[in-house]
Amino acid sequence: MPFVQADVRDEEKIMQEMIKNDPEIAQFAQELDAEFELREKMAQARREAGLTQKQLGMLSGLNLQAISRAESDSDISPNLRTLVKYLNAIGYKLDVVKQ
């Protein structure tokens, strides 16, 4: 299936061009990257705490669906309450720092 990989590379080039040439698209892409990075860090911190999603649910009071959505590349972003409960249950806190 080499043709599929070529299509993906072409789409990636087009996206990079759009990001380079349009500040609004660049800002949107940066926000998506930051959200994806946060989700990855949350899942990694949970695993490092030695917890399964089910165990985290029992500790945090969150259901498995909310935990799964918070950690995945879902179209639904976790709300602030979910983030705080999730992080508190694994021994972290949400902090805001200037860039």
C-alpha atoms as a PDB file:
ATOM      1  CA  MET A   1       0.000   0.000   0.000  1.00  0.00           C
ATOM      2  CA  PRO A   2       2.664   2.576  -0.839  1.00  0.00           C
ATOM      3  CA  PHE A   3       0.069   4.887  -2.371  1.00  0.00           C
ATOM      4  CA  VAL A   4      -1.519   5.383   1.054  1.00  0.00           C
ATOM      5  CA  GLN A   5       1.752   6.518   2.605  1.00  0.00           C
ATOM      6  CA  ALA A   6       2.330   8.949  -0.264  1.00  0.00           C
ATOM      7  CA  ASP A   7      -1.124  10.444   0.353  1.00  0.00           C
ATOM      8  CA  VAL A   8      -0.347  10.874   4.069  1.00  0.00           C
ATOM      9  CA  ARG A   9       2.966  12.573   3.276  1.00  0.00           C
ATOM     10  CA  ASP A  10       1.250  14.875   0.782  1.00  0.00           C
ATOM     11  CA  GLU A  11      -1.401  15.793   3.346  1.00  0.00           C
ATOM     12  CA  GLU A  12       1.302  16.452   5.940  1.00  0.00           C
ATOM     13  CA  LYS A  13       3.109  18.786   3.514  1.00  0.00           C
ATOM     14  CA  ILE A  14      -0.127  20.633   2.775  1.00  0.00           C
ATOM     15  CA  MET A  15      -0.856  21.021   6.503  1.00  0.00           C
ATOM     16  CA  GLN A  16       2.653  22.291   7.211  1.00  0.00           C
ATOM     17  CA  GLU A  17       2.274  24.843   4.403  1.00  0.00           C
ATOM     18  CA  MET A  18      -1.062  25.998   5.808  1.00  0.00           C
ATOM     19  CA  ILE A  19       0.411  26.319   9.293  1.00  0.00           C
ATOM     20  CA  LYS A  20       3.356  28.286   7.924  1.00  0.00           C
ATOM     21  CA  ASN A  21       1.192  30.669   5.916  1.00  0.00           C
ATOM     22  CA  ASP A  22      -1.822  31.254   8.167  1.00  0.00           C
ATOM     23  CA  PRO A  23      -1.342  32.551  11.734  1.00  0.00           C
ATOM     24  CA  GLU A  24      -4.841  31.425  12.792  1.00  0.00           C
ATOM     25  CA  ILE A  25      -4.204  27.874  11.609  1.00  0.00           C
ATOM     26  CA  ALA A  26      -0.779  27.960  13.285  1.00  0.00           C
ATOM     27  CA  GLN A  27      -2.383  29.020  16.591  1.00  0.00           C
ATOM     28  CA  PHE A  28      -5.016  26.291  16.303  1.00  0.00           C
ATOM     29  CA  ALA A  29      -2.349  23.668  15.555  1.00  0.00           C
ATOM     30  CA  GLN A  30      -0.298  24.839  18.545  1.00  0.00           C
ATOM     31  CA  GLU A  31      -3.330  24.531  20.831  1.00  0.00           C
ATOM     32  CA  LEU A  32      -4.076  21.024  19.553  1.00  0.00           C
ATOM     33  CA  ASP A  33      -0.452  20.004  20.100  1.00  0.00           C
ATOM     34  CA  ALA A  34      -0.539  21.345  23.670  1.00  0.00           C
ATOM     35  CA  GLU A  35      -3.757  19.447  24.408  1.00  0.00           C
ATOM     36  CA  PHE A  36      -2.369  16.233  22.929  1.00  0.00           C
ATOM     37  CA  GLU A  37       0.827  16.622  24.998  1.00  0.00           C
ATOM     38  CA  LEU A  38      -1.197  17.174  28.190  1.00  0.00           C
ATOM     39  CA  ARG A  39      -3.268  14.056  27.537  1.00  0.00           C
ATOM     40  CA  GLU A  40      -0.131  11.988  26.968  1.00  0.00           C
ATOM     41  CA  LYS A  41       1.454  13.314  30.168  1.00  0.00           C
ATOM     42  CA  MET A  42      -1.669  12.535  32.182  1.00  0.00           C
ATOM     43  CA  ALA A  43      -1.759   8.934  30.966  1.00  0.00           C
ATOM     44  CA  GLN A  44       1.967   8.560  31.590  1.00  0.00           C
ATOM     45  CA  ALA A  45       1.648   9.952  35.129  1.00  0.00           C
ATOM     46  CA  ARG A  46      -1.220   7.533  35.851  1.00  0.00           C
ATOM     47  CA  ARG A  47       0.841   4.578  34.638  1.00  0.00           C
ATOM     48  CA  GLU A  48       3.868   5.750  36.644  1.00  0.00           C
ATOM     49  CA  ALA A  49       1.611   5.877  39.718  1.00  0.00           C
ATOM     50  CA  GLY A  50       0.916   2.208  39.030  1.00  0.00           C
ATOM     51  CA  LEU A  51      -2.786   2.751  38.450  1.00  0.00           C
ATOM     52  CA  THR A  52      -5.132   1.327  35.873  1.00  0.00           C
ATOM     53  CA  GLN A  53      -7.915   3.499  34.531  1.00  0.00           C
ATOM     54  CA  LYS A  54     -10.347   1.501  36.673  1.00  0.00           C
ATOM     55  CA  GLN A  55      -8.290   2.113  39.835  1.00  0.00           C
ATOM     56  CA  LEU A  56      -8.040   5.807  38.986  1.00  0.00           C
ATOM     57  CA  GLY A  57     -11.806   5.880  38.592  1.00  0.00           C
ATOM     58  CA  MET A  58     -12.287   4.469  42.094  1.00  0.00           C
ATOM     59  CA  LEU A  59      -9.856   7.005  43.571  1.00  0.00           C
ATOM     60  CA  SER A  60     -11.117  10.035  41.659  1.00  0.00           C
ATOM     61  CA  GLY A  61     -14.828   9.335  41.395  1.00  0.00           C
ATOM     62  CA  LEU A  62     -14.605   9.635  37.608  1.00  0.00           C
ATOM     63  CA  ASN A  63     -16.159   7.008  35.379  1.00  0.00           C
ATOM     64  CA  LEU A  64     -14.032   5.010  32.952  1.00  0.00           C
ATOM     65  CA  GLN A  65     -15.451   6.855  29.958  1.00  0.00           C
ATOM     66  CA  ALA A  66     -14.341  10.238  31.346  1.00  0.00           C
ATOM     67  CA  ILE A  67     -10.855   8.893  32.089  1.00  0.00           C
ATOM     68  CA  SER A  68     -10.527   7.304  28.678  1.00  0.00           C
ATOM     69  CA  ARG A  69     -11.654  10.502  26.934  1.00  0.00           C
ATOM     70  CA  ALA A  70      -9.259  12.580  29.030  1.00  0.00           C
ATOM     71  CA  GLU A  71      -6.322  10.401  27.980  1.00  0.00           C
ATOM     72  CA  SER A  72      -7.256   9.821  24.357  1.00  0.00           C
ATOM     73  CA  ASP A  73      -7.167  11.930  21.244  1.00  0.00           C
ATOM     74  CA  SER A  74     -10.907  12.457  21.570  1.00  0.00           C
ATOM     75  CA  ASP A  75     -12.887  15.280  20.025  1.00  0.00           C
ATOM     76  CA  ILE A  76     -14.266  15.885  23.506  1.00  0.00           C
ATOM     77  CA  SER A  77     -11.884  17.807  25.748  1.00  0.00           C
ATOM     78  CA  PRO A  78     -12.028  17.037  29.458  1.00  0.00           C
ATOM     79  CA  ASN A  79     -13.560  19.796  31.540  1.00  0.00           C
ATOM     80  CA  LEU A  80     -11.679  21.513  34.338  1.00  0.00           C
ATOM     81  CA  ARG A  81     -13.395  19.521  37.106  1.00  0.00           C
ATOM     82  CA  THR A  82     -12.389  16.252  35.401  1.00  0.00           C
ATOM     83  CA  LEU A  83      -8.783  17.420  35.083  1.00  0.00           C
ATOM     84  CA  VAL A  84      -8.589  18.437  38.731  1.00  0.00           C
ATOM     85  CA  LYS A  85     -10.123  15.169  39.998  1.00  0.00           C
ATOM     86  CA  TYR A  86      -7.887  13.114  37.702  1.00  0.00           C
ATOM     87  CA  LEU A  87      -4.705  14.917  38.728  1.00  0.00           C
ATOM     88  CA  ASN A  88      -5.526  14.965  42.452  1.00  0.00           C
ATOM     89  CA  ALA A  89      -6.096  11.202  42.417  1.00  0.00           C
ATOM     90  CA  ILE A  90      -2.581  10.570  41.036  1.00  0.00           C
ATOM     91  CA  GLY A  91      -0.890  13.100  43.323  1.00  0.00           C
ATOM     92  CA  TYR A  92      -0.606  16.040  40.927  1.00  0.00           C
ATOM     93  CA  LYS A  93      -2.131  19.494  40.868  1.00  0.00           C
ATOM     94  CA  LEU A  94      -3.131  21.785  38.061  1.00  0.00           C
ATOM     95  CA  ASP A  95      -0.975  24.892  37.909  1.00  0.00           C
ATOM     96  CA  VAL A  96      -0.965  27.880  35.577  1.00  0.00           C
ATOM     97  CA  VAL A  97       2.384  29.318  34.560  1.00  0.00           C
ATOM     98  CA  LYS A  98       3.292  32.173  32.249  1.00  0.00           C
ATOM     99  CA  GLN A  99       4.839  31.098  28.969  1.00  0.00           C
END
